[in-house]
Amino acid sequence: MRMRQHTTNQTGGERRSRRLHPAWLILIACCFLQAGGMGTINNAAGIMVPAVLGDLQFSQGSFMLYFTIQGLCMTAALPVAGKLLPKVSMRVLVSVGMVAAALAFASMGQFNAVWQWYVAGAVLGVAAAFAFLLPAPVMIGNWFKKKAGLAMGIAMACSGIGGAVMNPLGGALIQSLGWRPTYAVLALIAAVLVLPFSLLVMKFKPADPRDAYGADEVEDTPASSGAETASGVSAARAVRSLAFACVFLVAGFLSLESAFLQLMPTYAGTVGLAAVAAFLPSIAMISNIVGKLVLGWLADAVGPRNATLCGFGVGVTAFALFLASNGNVGMVMVAAALFGVLTAMVTVNVPLLVRSAFGSKDYGTLFSYVSIGTSLVGSLGISVYGFLFDRFGSYDPGLMLGIGTGVASAALLLVGMAAAKRLMGAAHVRSGAVQAEEPAF
């Protein structure tokens, strides 16, 4: 019986090898989702800040609060999104969420009062949870059992491509059209990039887990069962562990540090580099692209933990260069390039760390919980940097905060992954004991 089934699986694998595996189509869809969602609506939002503040004379702290509200609403929506993704059509969830996000972003071009950004930010936060925060990592995790790190890096690199293109494009549109029409143009571009793929291609997971890319080469995919027996720690047990607390904080601190990306143009103005302000996010986005590919490859080669430690070293160096630059354009550009690698870790390393720490058993649920950390703690980042600037008249305290959280995150990662190893070992022991007690027929 087992021999016959093994032969059938092998034949199916040979058939799949002769044509493009559907997992690669899912990856292409995720690439456009990241370019339109994260790359355009999220990563290009910062280029609008100087123009809006200059025209409407809001304080940085009060205006940046809309990013915090957006993040808090995203946080509130994440558990709901995590539960709905397996139950509701991925095409419906992503498409509806993308339309809502694009409309909320476009509407900002009509606003005159800061509270209006707060309302639109709330809508955008909820929509983003369903549209472009959870779906891509979850789909990649479901469709790729082999080369998951590389696939994650490729997909997430596309948000960097989107940001690298949309930041200078947004700057040029602001100069030619003004900031109000620019909001609408960027929103339209985002919708055009995402909707064809969300409506026609996206799918939560393969109908048969053995149809995932590389499933026939993964040892924990049983050849004698029609259903996947996923290994790992249950969500109920994981969330009560030291390992989860550490991974949660690492993800949150990464997001908090990465929030400085939105303030790069404003930072450049404070150190006498307004002429290159619009190009700094583009430099960061280009290095973000390379960083995601390298980090994904590195995670496959040396493991997510070691790849993440390398990323923290790069990020701390970036903050230190910003702090020491004193307006030196070359130093600031190098810092922006290194900073792009740090921002890559949020979308590449965090999902890989969650799977590495807790296994695939309840990955979707646990990743949605950890994403609460990235959105909740990260949503405070822009406001914290803004209020620190208002208080001290400089970004130096915020840059020192970035250095401190980077060092603390590296320590938390070492502690958390060591605890996760013990937790996974205990889970395997319990699983083996349960299987030994099952009657044989």
Foldseek 3Di string as FASTA:
>chain_A
DLVVLLVVLVVVVVVCVVDPALLVLQLVLLQLLLLLQLQQLNLQPLLLVVQLCVVQVDALLLLLVLLLLLLLLLLVQLLVLLVCLVPDWLLVQQLVLLVQLLVLQLCVLVDRDSVSSNVSSNSNSNSCSRHRDQQSLQQLVQQAPPLSLQSLLQSNLSSLVSNLVNLVVLVVCCVVPNSSVSSNVSSVVSSVSNNVCSNPRDGRHDPFSCSHPCSSVDPQQDSVDRHHDWAFDDPVVVVVFLLLVLLLLLLLLLLLLLLCLSCQCVQLVLLPNNVCSSNLNSLLSVLLSVLSNVLSVVCNVPNLLVSVLVLLVLLLLLLVLSLPVSNPVVSPSSSSSSSSNSNSCNRNSSLRLQCLLTNDPSSSSSSSNSVSSSSNSSSCNSSVQSVVCVVPVHSNVVSVVSNVSSVVSNVSSVVSSVRSVVVSVVRVVVVVVVVVPDDDD
